[in-house]
Amino acid sequence: MKRFLLWAGVVIGASAIGVLLFLILFTCVFGNHVYALATCTEPEICERCKITRGEPLGHVFSEATCTEASVCLRCGEHHADALGHEWLPATCTEPETCARCGITQGEPLGHLMTDATYQAAETCTRCGMTSGEPLTPALADRTINELLPGEPVPYTTASFANHDIDVTGTAEITDYRVIDGDEIFPAREGYEWHIATVRLVFSGEDAQSYGAQSACTFGDYYILDDSVSGHADENGMRTFAADWYGMRVKCWQKTGETLENDWYGQELRFTWEEGVLVPKGYDGVLLILYNYRLAEDATRLYLPASEVLDENALVFRMK
């Protein structure tokens, strides 16, 4: 009997231990939860009883790039498509380039250079880059007697009565203006009038005995050789050519109002307006006063500038 009871106790004890082990290993009766790690969308969950703890982690999305989509760095869930490249146009020095990631494709365009002109150096028509210097104007290295507004300077020319006798007076630009046009100087689209008021004053014995005969012509600071046509049209305008950014452009000259042409006391005065119609912004026209003797007669007043630019000529650049 005692042996039976002993074995019975052993069996009961073993069963109790088994039950205890079962409860410990397979249930959460004693609070011994076994939590799975939280995910982006789920909190920690007990694998036995499914009780939860805490909060889901939430997604951590990567930034989308040109070639990679935006995905969660934890779970890989797709969030947004790849952005694709944003191509900037190729330039003279750079190929097509993605504004986002900097990757390139193709080749640079290369510069497209114009020829140098008197007004500008070689210039790329795409990007504006320049190379070298503008062409050297014909008068850049030539010594000339420059006539400046408001500064009378000596002027020598042939006398009126005897072209073999020279008389010396003064020449002055008393006024200079740039206008679109008026009743005397007609406007023309894309052009502007440069108008100088010229004043010559002669005195002294030779001037009183023989008078004075002035002569003027026009030239171009850049190319020099072109001259004004000797024949005026019905509007009193003569044509000449100028060099404007490598192109030969047509220009006009017109003599305006005569303000003085007589003796005033002991002074013989000539005051008149000379105007040139040139493309807007052009700065190369030269008004040249020279010795009338070089013209020989009134039909040859508008001589080429290269023929009259001697040591006595006076030059006013109409710019």
Protein backbone atom coordinates (compact mmCIF):
# COMPACT_ATOMS: atom_id res chain seq x y z
CA MET A 1 0.00 0.00 0.00
CA LYS A 2 2.77 2.33 0.93
CA ARG A 3 4.52 1.54 -2.34
CA PHE A 4 1.34 2.33 -4.25
CA LEU A 5 0.90 5.61 -2.56
CA LEU A 6 4.53 6.45 -3.22
CA TRP A 7 4.15 5.77 -6.91
CA ALA A 8 0.89 7.65 -6.98
CA GLY A 9 2.61 10.68 -5.47
CA VAL A 10 5.38 10.48 -7.98
CA VAL A 11 2.91 10.37 -10.84
CA ILE A 12 0.90 13.25 -9.48
CA GLY A 13 4.04 15.29 -8.87
CA ALA A 14 5.32 14.61 -12.32
CA SER A 15 2.00 15.62 -13.83
CA ALA A 16 2.00 18.88 -11.92
CA ILE A 17 5.49 19.67 -13.10
CA GLY A 18 4.45 18.89 -16.64
CA VAL A 19 1.45 21.13 -16.41
CA LEU A 20 3.63 23.89 -14.98
CA LEU A 21 6.16 23.49 -17.73
CA PHE A 22 3.40 23.56 -20.31
CA LEU A 23 1.96 26.73 -18.87
CA ILE A 24 5.39 28.34 -18.81
CA LEU A 25 6.45 27.22 -22.28
CA PHE A 26 3.24 27.48 -24.24
CA THR A 27 1.02 30.04 -22.53
CA CYS A 28 1.33 33.54 -21.12
CA VAL A 29 -0.40 32.76 -17.78
CA PHE A 30 2.61 33.99 -15.86
CA GLY A 31 3.09 37.09 -18.12
CA ASN A 32 5.89 35.48 -20.01
CA HIS A 33 4.94 36.86 -23.41
CA VAL A 34 7.13 36.18 -26.42
CA TYR A 35 6.91 39.33 -28.59
CA ALA A 36 7.75 39.40 -32.26
CA LEU A 37 9.58 42.56 -33.39
CA ALA A 38 7.40 45.49 -34.41
CA THR A 39 7.19 46.20 -38.15
CA CYS A 40 6.33 49.27 -40.19
CA THR A 41 2.62 48.44 -39.99
CA GLU A 42 2.33 46.21 -36.86
CA PRO A 43 3.32 46.76 -33.21
CA GLU A 44 5.09 44.07 -31.21
CA ILE A 45 2.71 41.02 -31.06
CA CYS A 46 2.96 38.09 -28.65
CA GLU A 47 3.45 34.93 -30.65
CA ARG A 48 1.42 32.93 -28.08
CA CYS A 49 -1.55 35.07 -27.15
CA LYS A 50 -1.42 37.75 -29.83
CA ILE A 51 -1.50 40.56 -27.30
CA THR A 52 0.21 43.73 -28.62
CA ARG A 53 2.69 46.16 -27.16
CA GLY A 54 3.78 49.59 -28.37
CA GLU A 55 3.13 51.10 -31.81
CA PRO A 56 4.06 50.18 -35.38
CA LEU A 57 7.44 51.59 -36.41
CA GLY A 58 6.06 53.35 -39.47
CA HIS A 59 7.71 53.47 -42.88
CA VAL A 60 11.02 55.22 -43.52
CA PHE A 61 10.98 56.03 -47.23
CA SER A 62 14.08 56.73 -49.24
CA GLU A 63 14.22 59.74 -51.56
CA ALA A 64 13.34 58.91 -55.13
CA THR A 65 16.17 59.58 -57.58
CA CYS A 66 16.35 59.82 -61.34
CA THR A 67 16.78 56.04 -61.62
CA GLU A 68 15.57 54.64 -58.27
CA ALA A 69 12.04 54.59 -56.86
CA SER A 70 11.22 55.71 -53.32
CA VAL A 71 10.92 52.60 -51.09
CA CYS A 72 10.75 51.90 -47.36
CA LEU A 73 14.20 51.28 -46.01
CA ARG A 74 12.79 48.81 -43.45
CA CYS A 75 10.32 46.72 -45.41
CA GLY A 76 10.95 47.60 -49.04
CA GLU A 77 7.41 48.81 -49.72
CA HIS A 78 7.12 50.91 -52.91
CA HIS A 79 6.21 54.54 -52.31
CA ALA A 80 6.86 56.53 -55.54
CA ASP A 81 8.31 55.93 -58.98
CA ALA A 82 11.77 57.03 -60.08
CA LEU A 83 11.83 60.71 -61.06
CA GLY A 84 13.56 60.30 -64.39
CA HIS A 85 16.27 62.65 -65.65
CA GLU A 86 15.62 66.38 -66.09
CA TRP A 87 17.89 67.26 -69.00
CA LEU A 88 19.36 70.71 -69.41
CA PRO A 89 20.21 71.58 -73.02
CA ALA A 90 23.79 71.20 -74.15
CA THR A 91 25.87 74.39 -74.23
CA CYS A 92 29.01 75.38 -76.06
CA THR A 93 31.17 73.85 -73.34
CA GLU A 94 28.90 71.32 -71.59
CA PRO A 95 26.93 68.30 -72.90
CA GLU A 96 23.30 67.72 -71.94
CA THR A 97 23.28 67.48 -68.15
CA CYS A 98 20.66 66.21 -65.71
CA ALA A 99 19.72 69.02 -63.35
CA ARG A 100 19.03 66.49 -60.59
CA CYS A 101 21.88 64.03 -60.60
CA GLY A 102 24.49 65.63 -62.85
CA ILE A 103 24.81 62.73 -65.29
CA THR A 104 25.66 63.82 -68.85
CA GLN A 105 24.91 62.59 -72.33
CA GLY A 106 26.15 63.56 -75.77
CA GLU A 107 28.80 66.18 -76.45
CA PRO A 108 29.10 69.98 -76.01
CA LEU A 109 27.86 72.01 -78.97
CA GLY A 110 31.10 73.93 -79.39
CA HIS A 111 31.35 77.65 -80.06
CA LEU A 112 29.91 79.15 -83.25
CA MET A 113 32.13 82.17 -83.78
CA THR A 114 31.45 85.17 -85.99
CA ASP A 115 34.27 87.02 -87.66
CA ALA A 116 35.68 90.03 -85.87
CA THR A 117 34.32 93.40 -86.99
CA TYR A 118 35.37 96.96 -86.26
CA GLN A 119 32.72 97.11 -83.53
CA ALA A 120 33.21 93.68 -81.91
CA ALA A 121 35.74 90.90 -81.46
CA GLU A 122 35.05 87.36 -82.67
CA THR A 123 31.84 86.44 -80.84
CA CYS A 124 30.03 83.15 -80.24
CA THR A 125 26.45 83.48 -81.46
CA ARG A 126 25.32 80.90 -78.92
CA CYS A 127 26.84 82.03 -75.62
CA GLY A 128 28.29 85.46 -76.34
CA MET A 129 31.88 84.53 -75.53
CA THR A 130 34.42 86.74 -77.28
CA SER A 131 37.89 86.00 -78.54
CA GLY A 132 40.61 88.48 -79.44
CA GLU A 133 39.93 92.13 -80.21
CA PRO A 134 37.83 94.09 -82.72
CA LEU A 135 39.49 94.94 -86.03
CA THR A 136 41.79 97.95 -85.93
CA PRO A 137 40.06 101.04 -87.41
CA ALA A 138 41.80 102.75 -90.29
CA LEU A 139 42.35 105.93 -88.25
CA ALA A 140 43.29 104.28 -84.95
CA ASP A 141 47.01 104.76 -85.46
CA ARG A 142 46.85 107.87 -87.59
CA THR A 143 47.58 111.32 -86.19
CA ILE A 144 44.69 113.68 -86.96
CA ASN A 145 43.68 117.17 -85.91
CA GLU A 146 40.56 116.41 -83.93
CA LEU A 147 37.84 119.01 -83.83
CA LEU A 148 35.98 119.05 -80.51
CA PRO A 149 32.67 120.81 -79.69
CA GLY A 150 33.15 124.26 -78.19
CA GLU A 151 36.88 124.49 -78.92
CA PRO A 152 37.85 126.80 -81.83
CA VAL A 153 40.99 125.67 -83.67
CA PRO A 154 42.95 127.16 -86.59
CA TYR A 155 41.64 126.28 -90.05
CA THR A 156 43.50 127.01 -93.29
CA THR A 157 41.83 126.99 -96.68
CA ALA A 158 42.02 128.67 -100.08
CA SER A 159 40.75 132.21 -100.49
CA PHE A 160 37.60 132.78 -102.49
CA ALA A 161 39.07 135.17 -105.06
CA ASN A 162 42.41 133.41 -105.55
CA HIS A 163 42.72 129.70 -104.81
CA ASP A 164 46.49 129.99 -104.79
CA ILE A 165 46.36 132.17 -101.69
CA ASP A 166 45.54 130.54 -98.35
CA VAL A 167 43.71 132.24 -95.51
CA THR A 168 43.64 131.05 -91.92
CA GLY A 169 40.74 131.46 -89.55
CA THR A 170 39.12 129.31 -86.86
CA ALA A 171 36.75 126.38 -87.04
CA GLU A 172 34.41 125.31 -84.26
CA ILE A 173 31.56 122.86 -83.65
CA THR A 174 29.10 125.11 -81.83
CA ASP A 175 26.36 122.51 -81.42
CA TYR A 176 25.99 118.78 -81.83
CA ARG A 177 22.84 116.72 -81.43
CA VAL A 178 21.38 113.30 -82.25
CA ILE A 179 17.71 113.15 -83.24
CA ASP A 180 15.30 110.78 -84.98
CA GLY A 181 14.31 113.48 -87.46
CA ASP A 182 12.56 116.82 -87.98
CA GLU A 183 11.20 118.98 -90.81
CA ILE A 184 14.67 119.48 -92.31
CA PHE A 185 16.18 116.09 -91.59
CA PRO A 186 13.54 113.40 -92.41
CA ALA A 187 13.28 110.39 -90.09
CA ARG A 188 13.97 106.85 -91.25
CA GLU A 189 13.19 103.68 -89.28
CA GLY A 190 16.23 102.18 -87.61
CA TYR A 191 18.34 105.28 -88.27
CA GLU A 192 19.20 108.48 -86.44
CA TRP A 193 20.50 111.90 -87.50
CA HIS A 194 23.82 113.15 -86.14
CA ILE A 195 23.83 116.92 -86.73
CA ALA A 196 26.77 119.27 -86.19
CA THR A 197 26.65 123.04 -86.41
CA VAL A 198 29.92 124.22 -87.98
CA ARG A 199 31.19 127.77 -87.53
CA LEU A 200 34.14 129.26 -89.48
CA VAL A 201 35.48 132.73 -88.71
CA PHE A 202 38.08 134.55 -90.86
CA SER A 203 39.64 137.94 -90.30
CA GLY A 204 42.84 139.69 -91.22
CA GLU A 205 44.14 141.34 -94.36
CA ASP A 206 44.06 138.29 -96.70
CA ALA A 207 40.52 137.37 -95.71
CA GLN A 208 39.38 140.97 -96.21
CA SER A 209 41.11 141.12 -99.59
CA TYR A 210 40.25 137.73 -101.02
CA GLY A 211 37.54 136.19 -98.86
CA ALA A 212 37.57 132.46 -98.01
CA GLN A 213 36.29 129.25 -99.57
CA SER A 214 35.68 126.30 -97.23
CA ALA A 215 35.36 122.62 -98.11
CA CYS A 216 34.12 119.63 -96.17
CA THR A 217 33.57 115.96 -96.82
CA PHE A 218 32.75 112.83 -94.85
CA GLY A 219 34.67 109.66 -94.16
CA ASP A 220 34.49 106.58 -92.00
CA TYR A 221 36.65 106.12 -88.92
CA TYR A 222 36.82 102.39 -89.51
CA ILE A 223 37.41 102.04 -93.26
CA LEU A 224 38.22 105.65 -94.27
CA ASP A 225 38.04 105.22 -98.05
CA ASP A 226 34.31 105.51 -98.73
CA SER A 227 33.18 108.97 -99.83
CA VAL A 228 29.89 110.81 -100.12
CA SER A 229 28.20 110.90 -103.51
CA GLY A 230 28.69 114.26 -105.19
CA HIS A 231 25.10 114.34 -106.48
CA ALA A 232 22.24 115.16 -104.14
CA ASP A 233 18.73 113.78 -104.64
CA GLU A 234 15.54 115.88 -104.73
CA ASN A 235 15.67 116.15 -100.92
CA GLY A 236 19.25 117.42 -100.93
CA MET A 237 20.58 114.11 -99.57
CA ARG A 238 23.75 112.35 -100.68
CA THR A 239 24.53 108.70 -100.04
CA PHE A 240 27.57 106.99 -98.59
CA ALA A 241 28.36 103.59 -97.08
CA ALA A 242 29.50 102.65 -93.58
CA ASP A 243 30.79 99.46 -92.02
CA TRP A 244 28.37 98.28 -89.32
CA TYR A 245 29.26 94.95 -87.67
CA GLY A 246 30.81 93.64 -90.87
CA MET A 247 28.00 94.76 -93.14
CA ARG A 248 28.02 97.59 -95.66
CA VAL A 249 25.07 99.80 -94.79
CA LYS A 250 23.69 102.74 -96.72
CA CYS A 251 23.80 106.13 -95.04
CA TRP A 252 22.89 109.68 -96.07
CA GLN A 253 24.36 113.17 -95.73
CA LYS A 254 22.47 116.43 -95.89
CA THR A 255 23.51 120.04 -95.47
CA GLY A 256 20.98 121.83 -93.31
CA GLU A 257 20.24 125.45 -92.57
CA THR A 258 22.80 128.19 -93.25
CA LEU A 259 22.89 130.43 -90.19
CA GLU A 260 25.69 132.85 -91.12
CA ASN A 261 27.33 133.65 -94.48
CA ASP A 262 28.58 137.22 -94.54
CA TRP A 263 30.84 139.84 -93.05
CA TYR A 264 30.09 140.89 -89.50
CA GLY A 265 32.29 143.87 -88.79
CA GLN A 266 35.86 142.69 -89.38
CA GLU A 267 34.92 138.99 -89.38
CA LEU A 268 33.81 136.80 -92.25
CA ARG A 269 31.58 134.11 -90.75
CA PHE A 270 30.17 130.89 -92.15
CA THR A 271 27.83 128.93 -89.89
CA TRP A 272 25.75 126.00 -91.11
CA GLU A 273 24.44 122.55 -90.20
CA GLU A 274 25.79 119.26 -91.50
CA GLY A 275 23.80 116.10 -90.83
CA VAL A 276 24.38 112.38 -91.42
CA LEU A 277 21.70 109.70 -91.23
CA VAL A 278 23.24 106.48 -89.89
CA PRO A 279 22.07 103.26 -88.19
CA LYS A 280 21.18 103.89 -84.56
CA GLY A 281 24.26 103.64 -82.42
CA TYR A 282 26.76 104.05 -85.24
CA ASP A 283 29.77 106.10 -84.16
CA GLY A 284 32.15 106.06 -87.12
CA VAL A 285 31.21 109.00 -89.35
CA LEU A 286 33.87 111.69 -89.75
CA LEU A 287 33.12 115.28 -90.74
CA ILE A 288 36.30 116.59 -92.35
CA LEU A 289 37.12 120.23 -93.05
CA TYR A 290 39.93 120.54 -95.57
CA ASN A 291 41.61 123.08 -97.81
CA TYR A 292 39.32 124.00 -100.70
CA ARG A 293 42.33 124.02 -103.01
CA LEU A 294 42.36 120.18 -102.95
CA ALA A 295 38.87 120.09 -104.48
CA GLU A 296 39.93 122.19 -107.49
CA ASP A 297 36.33 123.17 -108.15
CA ALA A 298 32.89 123.02 -106.55
CA THR A 299 31.95 119.79 -108.37
CA ARG A 300 34.54 117.82 -106.41
CA LEU A 301 33.85 118.99 -102.86
CA TYR A 302 33.04 115.57 -101.46
CA LEU A 303 36.42 113.93 -102.00
CA PRO A 304 37.36 110.59 -100.45
CA ALA A 305 38.63 111.11 -96.93
CA SER A 306 41.96 109.48 -97.72
CA GLU A 307 42.66 112.27 -100.27
CA VAL A 308 42.09 115.20 -97.93
CA LEU A 309 43.46 114.07 -94.57
CA ASP A 310 46.61 116.13 -94.59
CA GLU A 311 48.26 118.20 -91.85
CA ASN A 312 45.69 121.00 -92.30
CA ALA A 313 42.51 118.90 -92.24
CA LEU A 314 40.24 119.05 -89.20
CA VAL A 315 38.24 115.98 -88.20
CA PHE A 316 35.09 115.79 -86.08
CA ARG A 317 33.91 112.28 -85.21
CA MET A 318 30.11 112.30 -85.11
CA LYS A 319 29.42 109.87 -82.28
